[in-house]
């Protein structure tokens, strides 16, 4: 069985090489780290209104349209994860109208 390639730990500022997402030192910390609420991450009333407006102008899933399917988009996905960067969060060029299935597929991949 081939070995996984080494890569840097995903913890900010850690350059420890590991075959996992995080080095042993940060793996446990990430597991127990409390996640901010959706409101604290920017998904509030203002986002809800912006999301509604975007979906009104982009009613179909962008990826389904590429597959010649017309499936209603229900999620506004950030193409590049904003990770708290409000400028990137509100950049409409970073938004994509997706169906739940395609959004979950991207999220599972960490995109």
C-alpha atoms as a PDB file:
ATOM      1  CA  UNK A   1       0.000   0.000   0.000  1.00  0.00           C
ATOM      2  CA  UNK A   2       1.501   3.398  -0.953  1.00  0.00           C
ATOM      3  CA  UNK A   3       2.315   5.895   1.785  1.00  0.00           C
ATOM      4  CA  UNK A   4       0.523   9.238   1.932  1.00  0.00           C
ATOM      5  CA  UNK A   5       2.703  12.207   0.973  1.00  0.00           C
ATOM      6  CA  UNK A   6       3.861  14.503   3.752  1.00  0.00           C
ATOM      7  CA  UNK A   7       2.366  17.976   3.950  1.00  0.00           C
ATOM      8  CA  UNK A   8       2.380  20.853   6.404  1.00  0.00           C
ATOM      9  CA  UNK A   9      -0.036  20.824   9.329  1.00  0.00           C
ATOM     10  CA  UNK A  10      -3.204  22.833   8.572  1.00  0.00           C
ATOM     11  CA  UNK A  11      -2.930  24.707  11.884  1.00  0.00           C
ATOM     12  CA  UNK A  12      -2.007  28.356  11.147  1.00  0.00           C
ATOM     13  CA  UNK A  13       1.710  28.926  11.617  1.00  0.00           C
ATOM     14  CA  UNK A  14       2.618  25.264  12.151  1.00  0.00           C
ATOM     15  CA  UNK A  15       5.093  23.851   9.661  1.00  0.00           C
ATOM     16  CA  UNK A  16       5.249  20.328  11.106  1.00  0.00           C
ATOM     17  CA  UNK A  17       5.098  17.702   8.344  1.00  0.00           C
ATOM     18  CA  UNK A  18       2.362  15.102   8.635  1.00  0.00           C
ATOM     19  CA  UNK A  19       0.416  12.599   6.530  1.00  0.00           C
ATOM     20  CA  UNK A  20      -2.854  13.782   8.112  1.00  0.00           C
ATOM     21  CA  UNK A  21      -4.590  17.158   7.974  1.00  0.00           C
ATOM     22  CA  UNK A  22      -3.021  18.239  11.280  1.00  0.00           C
ATOM     23  CA  UNK A  23       0.042  17.180  13.239  1.00  0.00           C
ATOM     24  CA  UNK A  24      -0.486  15.188  16.475  1.00  0.00           C
ATOM     25  CA  UNK A  25      -0.033  18.366  18.555  1.00  0.00           C
ATOM     26  CA  UNK A  26      -2.857  20.210  16.789  1.00  0.00           C
ATOM     27  CA  UNK A  27      -5.125  17.309  15.876  1.00  0.00           C
ATOM     28  CA  UNK A  28      -6.622  17.038  19.357  1.00  0.00           C
ATOM     29  CA  UNK A  29      -6.902  20.825  19.772  1.00  0.00           C
ATOM     30  CA  UNK A  30      -8.846  21.116  16.497  1.00  0.00           C
ATOM     31  CA  UNK A  31     -11.220  18.352  17.524  1.00  0.00           C
ATOM     32  CA  UNK A  32     -12.160  20.082  20.758  1.00  0.00           C
ATOM     33  CA  UNK A  33     -12.021  23.670  19.514  1.00  0.00           C
ATOM     34  CA  UNK A  34     -15.447  25.292  19.842  1.00  0.00           C
ATOM     35  CA  UNK A  35     -16.807  26.539  16.536  1.00  0.00           C
ATOM     36  CA  UNK A  36     -18.228  30.018  16.276  1.00  0.00           C
ATOM     37  CA  UNK A  37     -21.974  30.256  15.787  1.00  0.00           C
ATOM     38  CA  UNK A  38     -23.270  30.848  12.274  1.00  0.00           C
ATOM     39  CA  UNK A  39     -24.162  34.401  13.298  1.00  0.00           C
ATOM     40  CA  UNK A  40     -20.598  35.007  14.519  1.00  0.00           C
ATOM     41  CA  UNK A  41     -19.309  33.680  11.177  1.00  0.00           C
ATOM     42  CA  UNK A  42     -21.392  36.276   9.278  1.00  0.00           C
ATOM     43  CA  UNK A  43     -24.458  34.209   8.391  1.00  0.00           C
ATOM     44  CA  UNK A  44     -26.961  36.648   9.867  1.00  0.00           C
ATOM     45  CA  UNK A  45     -30.049  38.578   8.738  1.00  0.00           C
ATOM     46  CA  UNK A  46     -27.998  40.682   6.309  1.00  0.00           C
ATOM     47  CA  UNK A  47     -26.544  37.516   4.737  1.00  0.00           C
ATOM     48  CA  UNK A  48     -30.027  35.984   4.508  1.00  0.00           C
ATOM     49  CA  UNK A  49     -31.278  38.950   2.500  1.00  0.00           C
ATOM     50  CA  UNK A  50     -28.186  38.961   0.235  1.00  0.00           C
ATOM     51  CA  UNK A  51     -28.561  35.193  -0.276  1.00  0.00           C
ATOM     52  CA  UNK A  52     -32.240  35.550  -1.226  1.00  0.00           C
ATOM     53  CA  UNK A  53     -31.415  38.272  -3.753  1.00  0.00           C
ATOM     54  CA  UNK A  54     -28.559  36.289  -5.279  1.00  0.00           C
ATOM     55  CA  UNK A  55     -30.688  33.149  -5.644  1.00  0.00           C
ATOM     56  CA  UNK A  56     -33.498  35.227  -7.192  1.00  0.00           C
ATOM     57  CA  UNK A  57     -31.062  36.311  -9.935  1.00  0.00           C
ATOM     58  CA  UNK A  58     -29.334  32.901 -10.172  1.00  0.00           C
ATOM     59  CA  UNK A  59     -32.183  30.392  -9.679  1.00  0.00           C
ATOM     60  CA  UNK A  60     -30.438  27.273 -11.033  1.00  0.00           C
ATOM     61  CA  UNK A  61     -27.471  25.321  -9.739  1.00  0.00           C
ATOM     62  CA  UNK A  62     -24.401  26.374 -11.753  1.00  0.00           C
ATOM     63  CA  UNK A  63     -22.927  22.877 -11.750  1.00  0.00           C
ATOM     64  CA  UNK A  64     -26.185  21.177 -12.727  1.00  0.00           C
ATOM     65  CA  UNK A  65     -26.484  23.562 -15.695  1.00  0.00           C
ATOM     66  CA  UNK A  66     -23.038  22.383 -16.873  1.00  0.00           C
ATOM     67  CA  UNK A  67     -24.488  18.838 -16.778  1.00  0.00           C
ATOM     68  CA  UNK A  68     -27.535  20.062 -18.803  1.00  0.00           C
ATOM     69  CA  UNK A  69     -29.856  19.729 -15.794  1.00  0.00           C
ATOM     70  CA  UNK A  70     -32.128  22.450 -14.437  1.00  0.00           C
ATOM     71  CA  UNK A  71     -32.078  21.977 -10.666  1.00  0.00           C
ATOM     72  CA  UNK A  72     -33.116  24.803  -8.352  1.00  0.00           C
ATOM     73  CA  UNK A  73     -30.221  26.358  -6.417  1.00  0.00           C
ATOM     74  CA  UNK A  74     -30.839  26.521  -2.674  1.00  0.00           C
ATOM     75  CA  UNK A  75     -27.370  27.443  -1.389  1.00  0.00           C
ATOM     76  CA  UNK A  76     -24.994  30.326  -2.048  1.00  0.00           C
ATOM     77  CA  UNK A  77     -21.539  28.772  -1.853  1.00  0.00           C
ATOM     78  CA  UNK A  78     -18.295  30.698  -1.314  1.00  0.00           C
ATOM     79  CA  UNK A  79     -15.977  29.459  -4.085  1.00  0.00           C
ATOM     80  CA  UNK A  80     -12.936  30.374  -1.987  1.00  0.00           C
ATOM     81  CA  UNK A  81     -13.450  29.808   1.736  1.00  0.00           C
ATOM     82  CA  UNK A  82     -13.561  33.221   3.411  1.00  0.00           C
ATOM     83  CA  UNK A  83     -12.266  31.984   6.810  1.00  0.00           C
ATOM     84  CA  UNK A  84     -13.520  35.155   8.502  1.00  0.00           C
ATOM     85  CA  UNK A  85     -12.337  37.583   5.801  1.00  0.00           C
ATOM     86  CA  UNK A  86     -15.374  39.876   5.473  1.00  0.00           C
ATOM     87  CA  UNK A  87     -14.182  41.335   2.157  1.00  0.00           C
ATOM     88  CA  UNK A  88     -14.035  37.836   0.640  1.00  0.00           C
ATOM     89  CA  UNK A  89     -17.300  36.877   2.383  1.00  0.00           C
ATOM     90  CA  UNK A  90     -19.217  39.701   0.668  1.00  0.00           C
ATOM     91  CA  UNK A  91     -17.463  39.496  -2.720  1.00  0.00           C
ATOM     92  CA  UNK A  92     -20.248  38.412  -5.093  1.00  0.00           C
ATOM     93  CA  UNK A  93     -17.639  37.162  -7.575  1.00  0.00           C
ATOM     94  CA  UNK A  94     -16.806  34.559  -4.921  1.00  0.00           C
ATOM     95  CA  UNK A  95     -20.400  33.320  -4.717  1.00  0.00           C
ATOM     96  CA  UNK A  96     -21.887  30.366  -6.582  1.00  0.00           C
ATOM     97  CA  UNK A  97     -25.543  29.307  -6.710  1.00  0.00           C
ATOM     98  CA  UNK A  98     -25.622  25.563  -6.009  1.00  0.00           C
ATOM     99  CA  UNK A  99     -28.090  22.833  -5.178  1.00  0.00           C
ATOM    100  CA  UNK A 100     -27.614  21.196  -1.773  1.00  0.00           C
ATOM    101  CA  UNK A 101     -26.053  18.087  -3.326  1.00  0.00           C
ATOM    102  CA  UNK A 102     -23.292  20.033  -5.111  1.00  0.00           C
ATOM    103  CA  UNK A 103     -22.719  22.278  -2.078  1.00  0.00           C
ATOM    104  CA  UNK A 104     -22.329  19.255   0.204  1.00  0.00           C
ATOM    105  CA  UNK A 105     -19.951  17.680  -2.327  1.00  0.00           C
ATOM    106  CA  UNK A 106     -17.701  20.785  -2.246  1.00  0.00           C
ATOM    107  CA  UNK A 107     -17.914  21.080   1.528  1.00  0.00           C
ATOM    108  CA  UNK A 108     -16.938  17.431   2.012  1.00  0.00           C
ATOM    109  CA  UNK A 109     -13.849  18.050  -0.134  1.00  0.00           C
ATOM    110  CA  UNK A 110     -12.989  21.117   1.938  1.00  0.00           C
ATOM    111  CA  UNK A 111     -13.549  23.531  -0.947  1.00  0.00           C
END
